[in-house]
Amino acid sequence: MTTDVTIIGAGLGGLVLARVLHVHGIPATVYEAEVSPTARSQGGMLDIHEDNGQPALQAAGLTDEFRGLVLEGREATRVLASDGTVLFDDDSERGRPEVLRGELRRILLESLPAGTVRWGHKVSGVRALGDSRHEVTFADGATVVTSLLVGADGAWSRVRPLLSGATPEYIGRSFIETYLFDSDTRHPAAAKAVGGGAMLALAPGKGIQAHRESGGTLHTYVALSRPQDWFAGIDFTDSAAAAARIAEEFDGWAPELTALITDGETAPVLRILNALPNDHRWGRVPGVTLLGDAAHLAAPNGEGANLAMYDGAELGKALAAHPDDVEAALTAYEQALFPRSAEAAADGDDLHELLFGDDAPHGVVTMFNG
């Protein structure tokens, strides 16, 4: 394959693509805005699914390395009522082992040849040059011309406008992220409530969701269904005041649950949730395609990282299978991508209705039991 492959974004999907191409002897270059692999926290736990994330890592030849990252026991799940009553509790393994996102990214980076990822390359613009070629301009004024451009650059992709006029829209709900450290010693009541894996305390329109990561670290996402201007009225630069204001929305809930908000040991971080249309697709444009959130940003449903990795693996395999016909590879990849991502997005909407709809928490308890 003589086409040069340029990947924008060193998230999990872009790195899996680069790795699968490398396995097949196809060089690629990944451009990433972050200045280094450790420039920011890479998020929390990921459950890696049997039908997409695990096959993607297998295609990348990293199954053994992945298995070495698994945190045993983190598949445990419990659902609590707002008063702390346990409504569902299951510590069995369900074929979705949990790993830390940052560690998964690390093994992917270590599997690539030195220099594959070019750090500190923030894209400021892209344009079509004709004949399947595109020019990428970076914030420092540097440019690169490529005959195959892959947008793996997330929700606000700079590559997407080459293919689609769609933009993400607010779903009506946001998360606030907090952490507790050394919880078994310093926050024993909260640690006991969360248990050994994931904990969901839910009510219509809101919820407190936490996961035990390595050791005693508890990573919490507080969900609130509120307009964006409601969140804009909270000063998140004042951590204590912001946490107190968020906790007010859970007045009367068990103190071991609200402690996950008020006792947070990092500044609460607002995560505004946006999504592309569930049926987002585009016509074939020579020399460019998308993967992951750039292609199918959806409400968080446990599938995002898995789908991104699967996209990367499937695109890499398609390019390897059509070394002399890139357009055939992109066509095959996109024809499978569109229905797959639409189905996952619709499933995500259904899950959010179970989690935060009028029947919460009973709907999700019924799902787990059934």
Foldseek 3Di string as FASTA:
>chain_A
DPFEEEEEALALLSLLLQLLLVVLVHHYAYEYQAQDLVSDAPDFKAFAAPPFRQVLCVSSVCNVVVVVFFDPQQVWEWEAELQLHTPDTDRDDDRGTMGTRSSSSVVSVVSHPPRRYDYNFAWPAKDDPDPQKIWTAGPVGDIDIGSAYEYAPAQQTRQLVVWDPWHWDFPQKKKKKFKDPPCVPVPVLLDVSCDAHWYWHFAAQWTWIWTQGPHRMIIIITMGRHDPVVVVVADLVPQQRNLVVSLVVSPPGHPSRSCRRNVGPDRIDMGGAIWTPLQQDGDDDRRYDYAANSGTRAGDDSCRSSRSSRLSSQLSVLCSVCVPCNSSSVVVSRVVSRVVSSVVRVVRVVVVCCRHNNPPPVSVSVVVVD
